[in-house]
């Protein structure tokens, strides 16, 4: 695994050997993944997902605007590619 350390200009390559992360010099290091350090995620309520009526109406109007040329609208797809990044602390 290659990691970037804040304040360091170079990245560091780590290898996991028998459950222990080590540097190229076989020095053991402790790795903490940012997603594992977080507490329990806040519960999402229905109110968190409901937008105001005016905003919903405006968005629907924008999607259904017949004056806009169909080629000018971005195509809707079921699958989207999303860039993902992992932050190692």
PDB file of N, CA and C in Angstrom:
ATOM      1  N   UNK A   1       0.869  -1.150   0.000  1.00  0.00           N
ATOM      2  CA  UNK A   1       0.000   0.000   0.000  1.00  0.00           C
ATOM      3  C   UNK A   1       0.921   1.219   0.000  1.00  0.00           C
ATOM      4  N   UNK A   2       0.607   2.181  -0.843  1.00  0.00           N
ATOM      5  CA  UNK A   2       1.379   3.416  -0.893  1.00  0.00           C
ATOM      6  C   UNK A   2       0.567   4.489  -0.188  1.00  0.00           C
ATOM      7  N   UNK A   3       1.202   5.190   0.755  1.00  0.00           N
ATOM      8  CA  UNK A   3       0.507   6.201   1.548  1.00  0.00           C
ATOM      9  C   UNK A   3       1.229   7.533   1.450  1.00  0.00           C
ATOM     10  N   UNK A   4       0.468   8.601   1.600  1.00  0.00           N
ATOM     11  CA  UNK A   4       1.015   9.949   1.676  1.00  0.00           C
ATOM     12  C   UNK A   4       0.906  10.403   3.122  1.00  0.00           C
ATOM     13  N   UNK A   5       1.996  10.923   3.639  1.00  0.00           N
ATOM     14  CA  UNK A   5       2.041  11.356   5.029  1.00  0.00           C
ATOM     15  C   UNK A   5       2.058  12.880   5.049  1.00  0.00           C
ATOM     16  N   UNK A   6       1.144  13.508   5.804  1.00  0.00           N
ATOM     17  CA  UNK A   6       1.124  14.973   5.861  1.00  0.00           C
ATOM     18  C   UNK A   6       2.486  15.528   6.274  1.00  0.00           C
ATOM     19  N   UNK A   7       2.959  16.538   5.535  1.00  0.00           N
ATOM     20  CA  UNK A   7       4.225  17.167   5.844  1.00  0.00           C
ATOM     21  C   UNK A   7       5.436  16.474   5.235  1.00  0.00           C
ATOM     22  N   UNK A   8       5.227  15.370   4.565  1.00  0.00           N
ATOM     23  CA  UNK A   8       6.320  14.625   3.951  1.00  0.00           C
ATOM     24  C   UNK A   8       6.164  14.726   2.431  1.00  0.00           C
ATOM     25  N   UNK A   9       7.257  15.038   1.732  1.00  0.00           N
ATOM     26  CA  UNK A   9       7.187  15.212   0.282  1.00  0.00           C
ATOM     27  C   UNK A   9       7.051  13.921  -0.490  1.00  0.00           C
ATOM     28  N   UNK A  10       7.518  12.816   0.070  1.00  0.00           N
ATOM     29  CA  UNK A  10       7.481  11.532  -0.630  1.00  0.00           C
ATOM     30  C   UNK A  10       6.391  10.640  -0.062  1.00  0.00           C
ATOM     31  N   UNK A  11       5.939   9.710  -0.894  1.00  0.00           N
ATOM     32  CA  UNK A  11       4.988   8.715  -0.395  1.00  0.00           C
ATOM     33  C   UNK A  11       5.785   7.569   0.230  1.00  0.00           C
ATOM     34  N   UNK A  12       5.106   6.744   0.979  1.00  0.00           N
ATOM     35  CA  UNK A  12       5.730   5.627   1.676  1.00  0.00           C
ATOM     36  C   UNK A  12       5.029   4.348   1.248  1.00  0.00           C
ATOM     37  N   UNK A  13       5.807   3.346   0.906  1.00  0.00           N
ATOM     38  CA  UNK A  13       5.207   2.071   0.533  1.00  0.00           C
ATOM     39  C   UNK A  13       5.242   1.137   1.728  1.00  0.00           C
ATOM     40  N   UNK A  14       4.075   0.590   2.065  1.00  0.00           N
ATOM     41  CA  UNK A  14       3.954  -0.336   3.187  1.00  0.00           C
ATOM     42  C   UNK A  14       3.522  -1.698   2.666  1.00  0.00           C
ATOM     43  N   UNK A  15       3.972  -2.732   3.347  1.00  0.00           N
ATOM     44  CA  UNK A  15       3.553  -4.101   3.026  1.00  0.00           C
ATOM     45  C   UNK A  15       3.024  -4.741   4.292  1.00  0.00           C
ATOM     46  N   UNK A  16       2.015  -5.566   4.124  1.00  0.00           N
ATOM     47  CA  UNK A  16       1.460  -6.290   5.268  1.00  0.00           C
ATOM     48  C   UNK A  16       2.058  -7.696   5.282  1.00  0.00           C
ATOM     49  N   UNK A  17       2.743  -8.002   6.365  1.00  0.00           N
ATOM     50  CA  UNK A  17       3.361  -9.325   6.518  1.00  0.00           C
ATOM     51  C   UNK A  17       2.846  -9.936   7.813  1.00  0.00           C
ATOM     52  N   UNK A  18       2.098 -11.011   7.687  1.00  0.00           N
ATOM     53  CA  UNK A  18       1.528 -11.721   8.834  1.00  0.00           C
ATOM     54  C   UNK A  18       0.733 -10.773   9.745  1.00  0.00           C
ATOM     55  N   UNK A  19      -0.049  -9.899   9.123  1.00  0.00           N
ATOM     56  CA  UNK A  19      -0.911  -9.001   9.890  1.00  0.00           C
ATOM     57  C   UNK A  19      -0.234  -7.756  10.432  1.00  0.00           C
ATOM     58  N   UNK A  20       1.044  -7.540  10.089  1.00  0.00           N
ATOM     59  CA  UNK A  20       1.781  -6.362  10.558  1.00  0.00           C
ATOM     60  C   UNK A  20       2.202  -5.543   9.346  1.00  0.00           C
ATOM     61  N   UNK A  21       1.911  -4.248   9.365  1.00  0.00           N
ATOM     62  CA  UNK A  21       2.337  -3.351   8.293  1.00  0.00           C
ATOM     63  C   UNK A  21       3.787  -2.964   8.547  1.00  0.00           C
ATOM     64  N   UNK A  22       4.630  -3.072   7.504  1.00  0.00           N
ATOM     65  CA  UNK A  22       6.049  -2.747   7.626  1.00  0.00           C
ATOM     66  C   UNK A  22       6.493  -1.868   6.464  1.00  0.00           C
ATOM     67  N   UNK A  23       7.571  -1.094   6.696  1.00  0.00           N
ATOM     68  CA  UNK A  23       8.178  -0.274   5.657  1.00  0.00           C
ATOM     69  C   UNK A  23       9.110  -1.137   4.828  1.00  0.00           C
ATOM     70  N   UNK A  24       9.733  -0.515   3.803  1.00  0.00           N
ATOM     71  CA  UNK A  24      10.709  -1.247   2.990  1.00  0.00           C
ATOM     72  C   UNK A  24      11.885  -1.735   3.826  1.00  0.00           C
ATOM     73  N   UNK A  25      12.167  -1.044   4.942  1.00  0.00           N
ATOM     74  CA  UNK A  25      13.265  -1.436   5.838  1.00  0.00           C
ATOM     75  C   UNK A  25      12.816  -2.437   6.906  1.00  0.00           C
ATOM     76  N   UNK A  26      11.611  -2.983   6.750  1.00  0.00           N
ATOM     77  CA  UNK A  26      11.025  -3.944   7.693  1.00  0.00           C
ATOM     78  C   UNK A  26      10.776  -3.355   9.078  1.00  0.00           C
ATOM     79  N   UNK A  27      10.585  -2.034   9.141  1.00  0.00           N
ATOM     80  CA  UNK A  27      10.214  -1.388  10.399  1.00  0.00           C
ATOM     81  C   UNK A  27       8.697  -1.479  10.552  1.00  0.00           C
ATOM     82  N   UNK A  28       8.187  -2.003  11.663  1.00  0.00           N
ATOM     83  CA  UNK A  28       6.733  -2.087  11.834  1.00  0.00           C
ATOM     84  C   UNK A  28       6.122  -0.696  12.023  1.00  0.00           C
ATOM     85  N   UNK A  29       4.964  -0.494  11.446  1.00  0.00           N
ATOM     86  CA  UNK A  29       4.234   0.769  11.591  1.00  0.00           C
ATOM     87  C   UNK A  29       2.788   0.458  11.940  1.00  0.00           C
ATOM     88  N   UNK A  30       2.155   1.389  12.591  1.00  0.00           N
ATOM     89  CA  UNK A  30       0.746   1.248  12.925  1.00  0.00           C
ATOM     90  C   UNK A  30      -0.062   2.019  11.888  1.00  0.00           C
ATOM     91  N   UNK A  31      -1.024   1.369  11.283  1.00  0.00           N
ATOM     92  CA  UNK A  31      -1.860   1.978  10.248  1.00  0.00           C
ATOM     93  C   UNK A  31      -3.277   2.083  10.771  1.00  0.00           C
ATOM     94  N   UNK A  32      -3.850   3.262  10.644  1.00  0.00           N
ATOM     95  CA  UNK A  32      -5.246   3.467  11.036  1.00  0.00           C
ATOM     96  C   UNK A  32      -5.993   3.998   9.820  1.00  0.00           C
ATOM     97  N   UNK A  33      -6.997   3.277   9.396  1.00  0.00           N
ATOM     98  CA  UNK A  33      -7.802   3.698   8.255  1.00  0.00           C
ATOM     99  C   UNK A  33      -8.867   4.663   8.740  1.00  0.00           C
ATOM    100  N   UNK A  34      -9.060   5.746   7.991  1.00  0.00           N
ATOM    101  CA  UNK A  34      -9.972   6.793   8.435  1.00  0.00           C
ATOM    102  C   UNK A  34     -11.399   6.281   8.622  1.00  0.00           C
ATOM    103  N   UNK A  35     -11.835   5.342   7.787  1.00  0.00           N
ATOM    104  CA  UNK A  35     -13.212   4.845   7.925  1.00  0.00           C
ATOM    105  C   UNK A  35     -13.365   3.962   9.159  1.00  0.00           C
ATOM    106  N   UNK A  36     -12.298   3.383   9.656  1.00  0.00           N
ATOM    107  CA  UNK A  36     -12.388   2.530  10.839  1.00  0.00           C
ATOM    108  C   UNK A  36     -12.349   3.345  12.123  1.00  0.00           C
ATOM    109  N   UNK A  37     -11.811   4.553  12.068  1.00  0.00           N
ATOM    110  CA  UNK A  37     -11.658   5.373  13.263  1.00  0.00           C
ATOM    111  C   UNK A  37     -12.929   6.144  13.613  1.00  0.00           C
ATOM    112  N   UNK A  38     -13.833   6.219  12.719  1.00  0.00           N
ATOM    113  CA  UNK A  38     -15.069   6.967  12.958  1.00  0.00           C
ATOM    114  C   UNK A  38     -15.978   6.213  13.906  1.00  0.00           C
ATOM    115  N   UNK A  39     -16.770   6.981  14.629  1.00  0.00           N
ATOM    116  CA  UNK A  39     -17.774   6.376  15.488  1.00  0.00           C
ATOM    117  C   UNK A  39     -18.958   5.936  14.651  1.00  0.00           C
ATOM    118  N   UNK A  40     -20.023   5.616  15.307  1.00  0.00           N
ATOM    119  CA  UNK A  40     -21.241   5.202  14.606  1.00  0.00           C
ATOM    120  C   UNK A  40     -21.764   6.354  13.749  1.00  0.00           C
ATOM    121  N   UNK A  41     -22.210   6.029  12.554  1.00  0.00           N
ATOM    122  CA  UNK A  41     -22.750   7.038  11.642  1.00  0.00           C
ATOM    123  C   UNK A  41     -24.075   7.574  12.189  1.00  0.00           C
ATOM    124  N   UNK A  42     -24.296   8.855  11.958  1.00  0.00           N
ATOM    125  CA  UNK A  42     -25.545   9.465  12.405  1.00  0.00           C
ATOM    126  C   UNK A  42     -26.713   8.858  11.630  1.00  0.00           C
ATOM    127  N   UNK A  43     -27.806   8.650  12.311  1.00  0.00           N
ATOM    128  CA  UNK A  43     -28.977   8.077  11.671  1.00  0.00           C
ATOM    129  C   UNK A  43     -29.615   9.105  10.749  1.00  0.00           C
ATOM    130  N   UNK A  44     -29.923   8.692   9.524  1.00  0.00           N
ATOM    131  CA  UNK A  44     -30.557   9.571   8.555  1.00  0.00           C
ATOM    132  C   UNK A  44     -32.062   9.443   8.719  1.00  0.00           C
ATOM    133  N   UNK A  45     -32.722  10.588   8.860  1.00  0.00           N
ATOM    134  CA  UNK A  45     -34.173  10.588   9.013  1.00  0.00           C
ATOM    135  C   UNK A  45     -34.837  10.983   7.703  1.00  0.00           C
ATOM    136  N   UNK A  46     -36.126  10.769   7.601  1.00  0.00           N
ATOM    137  CA  UNK A  46     -36.867  11.160   6.404  1.00  0.00           C
ATOM    138  C   UNK A  46     -36.771  12.663   6.181  1.00  0.00           C
ATOM    139  N   UNK A  47     -36.776  13.428   7.265  1.00  0.00           N
ATOM    140  CA  UNK A  47     -36.689  14.887   7.158  1.00  0.00           C
ATOM    141  C   UNK A  47     -35.363  15.327   6.533  1.00  0.00           C
ATOM    142  N   UNK A  48     -34.310  14.543   6.726  1.00  0.00           N
ATOM    143  CA  UNK A  48     -33.019  14.864   6.119  1.00  0.00           C
ATOM    144  C   UNK A  48     -33.055  14.741   4.598  1.00  0.00           C
ATOM    145  N   UNK A  49     -34.003  13.986   4.072  1.00  0.00           N
ATOM    146  CA  UNK A  49     -34.044  13.688   2.643  1.00  0.00           C
ATOM    147  C   UNK A  49     -35.125  14.450   1.889  1.00  0.00           C
ATOM    148  N   UNK A  50     -35.876  15.281   2.552  1.00  0.00           N
ATOM    149  CA  UNK A  50     -36.977  15.998   1.924  1.00  0.00           C
ATOM    150  C   UNK A  50     -36.556  17.439   1.666  1.00  0.00           C
ATOM    151  N   UNK A  51     -36.669  17.865   0.404  1.00  0.00           N
ATOM    152  CA  UNK A  51     -36.324  19.245   0.078  1.00  0.00           C
ATOM    153  C   UNK A  51     -37.597  20.090   0.058  1.00  0.00           C
ATOM    154  N   UNK A  52     -37.459  21.422   0.127  1.00  0.00           N
ATOM    155  CA  UNK A  52     -38.625  22.293   0.095  1.00  0.00           C
ATOM    156  C   UNK A  52     -39.404  22.145  -1.224  1.00  0.00           C
ATOM    157  N   UNK A  53     -40.699  22.370  -1.171  1.00  0.00           N
ATOM    158  CA  UNK A  53     -41.572  22.238  -2.342  1.00  0.00           C
ATOM    159  C   UNK A  53     -41.088  23.114  -3.492  1.00  0.00           C
ATOM    160  N   UNK A  54     -40.655  24.334  -3.200  1.00  0.00           N
ATOM    161  CA  UNK A  54     -40.218  25.255  -4.251  1.00  0.00           C
ATOM    162  C   UNK A  54     -38.999  24.702  -4.994  1.00  0.00           C
ATOM    163  N   UNK A  55     -38.053  24.133  -4.264  1.00  0.00           N
ATOM    164  CA  UNK A  55     -36.867  23.558  -4.892  1.00  0.00           C
ATOM    165  C   UNK A  55     -37.246  22.356  -5.744  1.00  0.00           C
ATOM    166  N   UNK A  56     -38.101  21.496  -5.229  1.00  0.00           N
ATOM    167  CA  UNK A  56     -38.529  20.317  -5.991  1.00  0.00           C
ATOM    168  C   UNK A  56     -39.210  20.739  -7.279  1.00  0.00           C
ATOM    169  N   UNK A  57     -40.096  21.731  -7.195  1.00  0.00           N
ATOM    170  CA  UNK A  57     -40.803  22.207  -8.384  1.00  0.00           C
ATOM    171  C   UNK A  57     -39.822  22.779  -9.411  1.00  0.00           C
ATOM    172  N   UNK A  58     -38.828  23.528  -8.926  1.00  0.00           N
ATOM    173  CA  UNK A  58     -37.840  24.118  -9.838  1.00  0.00           C
ATOM    174  C   UNK A  58     -37.008  23.032 -10.519  1.00  0.00           C
ATOM    175  N   UNK A  59     -36.601  22.018  -9.771  1.00  0.00           N
ATOM    176  CA  UNK A  59     -35.810  20.938 -10.359  1.00  0.00           C
ATOM    177  C   UNK A  59     -36.618  20.146 -11.384  1.00  0.00           C
ATOM    178  N   UNK A  60     -37.866  19.872 -11.073  1.00  0.00           N
ATOM    179  CA  UNK A  60     -38.730  19.151 -12.012  1.00  0.00           C
ATOM    180  C   UNK A  60     -38.916  19.971 -13.273  1.00  0.00           C
ATOM    181  N   UNK A  61     -39.119  21.272 -13.111  1.00  0.00           N
ATOM    182  CA  UNK A  61     -39.295  22.156 -14.266  1.00  0.00           C
ATOM    183  C   UNK A  61     -38.033  22.146 -15.129  1.00  0.00           C
ATOM    184  N   UNK A  62     -36.858  22.171 -14.489  1.00  0.00           N
ATOM    185  CA  UNK A  62     -35.604  22.157 -15.240  1.00  0.00           C
ATOM    186  C   UNK A  62     -35.438  20.860 -16.022  1.00  0.00           C
ATOM    187  N   UNK A  63     -35.860  19.742 -15.438  1.00  0.00           N
ATOM    188  CA  UNK A  63     -35.740  18.444 -16.113  1.00  0.00           C
ATOM    189  C   UNK A  63     -36.728  18.292 -17.254  1.00  0.00           C
ATOM    190  N   UNK A  64     -37.861  18.930 -17.146  1.00  0.00           N
ATOM    191  CA  UNK A  64     -38.927  18.768 -18.130  1.00  0.00           C
ATOM    192  C   UNK A  64     -39.007  19.937 -19.088  1.00  0.00           C
ATOM    193  N   UNK A  65     -38.033  20.830 -19.101  1.00  0.00           N
ATOM    194  CA  UNK A  65     -38.052  22.014 -19.955  1.00  0.00           C
ATOM    195  C   UNK A  65     -38.004  21.589 -21.419  1.00  0.00           C
ATOM    196  N   UNK A  66     -39.097  21.780 -22.128  1.00  0.00           N
ATOM    197  CA  UNK A  66     -39.209  21.356 -23.523  1.00  0.00           C
ATOM    198  C   UNK A  66     -38.496  22.309 -24.466  1.00  0.00           C
ATOM    199  N   UNK A  67     -38.206  23.533 -24.036  1.00  0.00           N
ATOM    200  CA  UNK A  67     -37.548  24.488 -24.915  1.00  0.00           C
ATOM    201  C   UNK A  67     -36.065  24.143 -25.100  1.00  0.00           C
ATOM    202  N   UNK A  68     -35.491  23.445 -24.152  1.00  0.00           N
ATOM    203  CA  UNK A  68     -34.093  23.066 -24.244  1.00  0.00           C
ATOM    204  C   UNK A  68     -33.950  21.910 -25.229  1.00  0.00           C
ATOM    205  N   UNK A  69     -32.988  22.016 -26.098  1.00  0.00           N
ATOM    206  CA  UNK A  69     -32.766  20.961 -27.086  1.00  0.00           C
ATOM    207  C   UNK A  69     -32.372  19.673 -26.371  1.00  0.00           C
ATOM    208  N   UNK A  70     -32.912  18.532 -26.786  1.00  0.00           N
ATOM    209  CA  UNK A  70     -32.581  17.272 -26.124  1.00  0.00           C
ATOM    210  C   UNK A  70     -31.083  16.983 -26.100  1.00  0.00           C
ATOM    211  N   UNK A  71     -30.342  17.402 -27.133  1.00  0.00           N
ATOM    212  CA  UNK A  71     -28.905  17.129 -27.170  1.00  0.00           C
ATOM    213  C   UNK A  71     -28.153  17.940 -26.121  1.00  0.00           C
ATOM    214  N   UNK A  72     -28.729  19.026 -25.660  1.00  0.00           N
ATOM    215  CA  UNK A  72     -28.062  19.872 -24.675  1.00  0.00           C
ATOM    216  C   UNK A  72     -28.137  19.276 -23.277  1.00  0.00           C
ATOM    217  N   UNK A  73     -29.096  18.391 -23.057  1.00  0.00           N
ATOM    218  CA  UNK A  73     -29.227  17.750 -21.745  1.00  0.00           C
ATOM    219  C   UNK A  73     -28.254  16.595 -21.627  1.00  0.00           C
ATOM    220  N   UNK A  74     -27.695  16.432 -20.456  1.00  0.00           N
ATOM    221  CA  UNK A  74     -26.812  15.287 -20.216  1.00  0.00           C
ATOM    222  C   UNK A  74     -27.665  14.026 -20.159  1.00  0.00           C
ATOM    223  N   UNK A  75     -27.219  12.958 -20.785  1.00  0.00           N
ATOM    224  CA  UNK A  75     -28.007  11.721 -20.730  1.00  0.00           C
ATOM    225  C   UNK A  75     -28.026  11.155 -19.315  1.00  0.00           C
ATOM    226  N   UNK A  76     -29.153  10.572 -18.970  1.00  0.00           N
ATOM    227  CA  UNK A  76     -29.277   9.927 -17.669  1.00  0.00           C
ATOM    228  C   UNK A  76     -28.875   8.475 -17.820  1.00  0.00           C
ATOM    229  N   UNK A  77     -28.026   8.030 -16.944  1.00  0.00           N
ATOM    230  CA  UNK A  77     -27.593   6.638 -16.997  1.00  0.00           C
ATOM    231  C   UNK A  77     -27.842   5.984 -15.653  1.00  0.00           C
ATOM    232  N   UNK A  78     -28.022   4.693 -15.680  1.00  0.00           N
ATOM    233  CA  UNK A  78     -28.238   3.955 -14.429  1.00  0.00           C
ATOM    234  C   UNK A  78     -26.921   3.736 -13.701  1.00  0.00           C
ATOM    235  N   UNK A  79     -25.842   3.600 -14.443  1.00  0.00           N
ATOM    236  CA  UNK A  79     -24.537   3.347 -13.830  1.00  0.00           C
ATOM    237  C   UNK A  79     -23.664   4.574 -13.991  1.00  0.00           C
ATOM    238  N   UNK A  80     -22.995   4.939 -12.953  1.00  0.00           N
ATOM    239  CA  UNK A  80     -22.088   6.076 -13.016  1.00  0.00           C
ATOM    240  C   UNK A  80     -20.759   5.666 -12.400  1.00  0.00           C
ATOM    241  N   UNK A  81     -19.702   6.194 -12.952  1.00  0.00           N
ATOM    242  CA  UNK A  81     -18.383   5.938 -12.403  1.00  0.00           C
ATOM    243  C   UNK A  81     -18.068   7.042 -11.419  1.00  0.00           C
ATOM    244  N   UNK A  82     -17.642   6.661 -10.245  1.00  0.00           N
ATOM    245  CA  UNK A  82     -17.337   7.631  -9.204  1.00  0.00           C
ATOM    246  C   UNK A  82     -15.907   7.416  -8.756  1.00  0.00           C
ATOM    247  N   UNK A  83     -15.161   8.508  -8.723  1.00  0.00           N
ATOM    248  CA  UNK A  83     -13.784   8.404  -8.223  1.00  0.00           C
ATOM    249  C   UNK A  83     -13.825   8.206  -6.720  1.00  0.00           C
ATOM    250  N   UNK A  84     -13.064   7.293  -6.236  1.00  0.00           N
ATOM    251  CA  UNK A  84     -13.027   7.023  -4.800  1.00  0.00           C
ATOM    252  C   UNK A  84     -11.608   7.221  -4.297  1.00  0.00           C
ATOM    253  N   UNK A  85     -11.514   7.731  -3.113  1.00  0.00           N
ATOM    254  CA  UNK A  85     -10.200   7.933  -2.510  1.00  0.00           C
ATOM    255  C   UNK A  85     -10.234   7.421  -1.081  1.00  0.00           C
ATOM    256  N   UNK A  86      -9.139   6.899  -0.645  1.00  0.00           N
ATOM    257  CA  UNK A  86      -9.020   6.430   0.723  1.00  0.00           C
ATOM    258  C   UNK A  86      -7.988   7.289   1.421  1.00  0.00           C
ATOM    259  N   UNK A  87      -8.291   7.706   2.601  1.00  0.00           N
ATOM    260  CA  UNK A  87      -7.395   8.531   3.381  1.00  0.00           C
ATOM    261  C   UNK A  87      -6.793   7.664   4.476  1.00  0.00           C
ATOM    262  N   UNK A  88      -5.490   7.534   4.483  1.00  0.00           N
ATOM    263  CA  UNK A  88      -4.809   6.739   5.495  1.00  0.00           C
ATOM    264  C   UNK A  88      -4.164   7.676   6.476  1.00  0.00           C
ATOM    265  N   UNK A  89      -4.435   7.478   7.739  1.00  0.00           N
ATOM    266  CA  UNK A  89      -3.881   8.328   8.784  1.00  0.00           C
ATOM    267  C   UNK A  89      -2.676   7.669   9.390  1.00  0.00           C
TER     268      UNK A  89
END
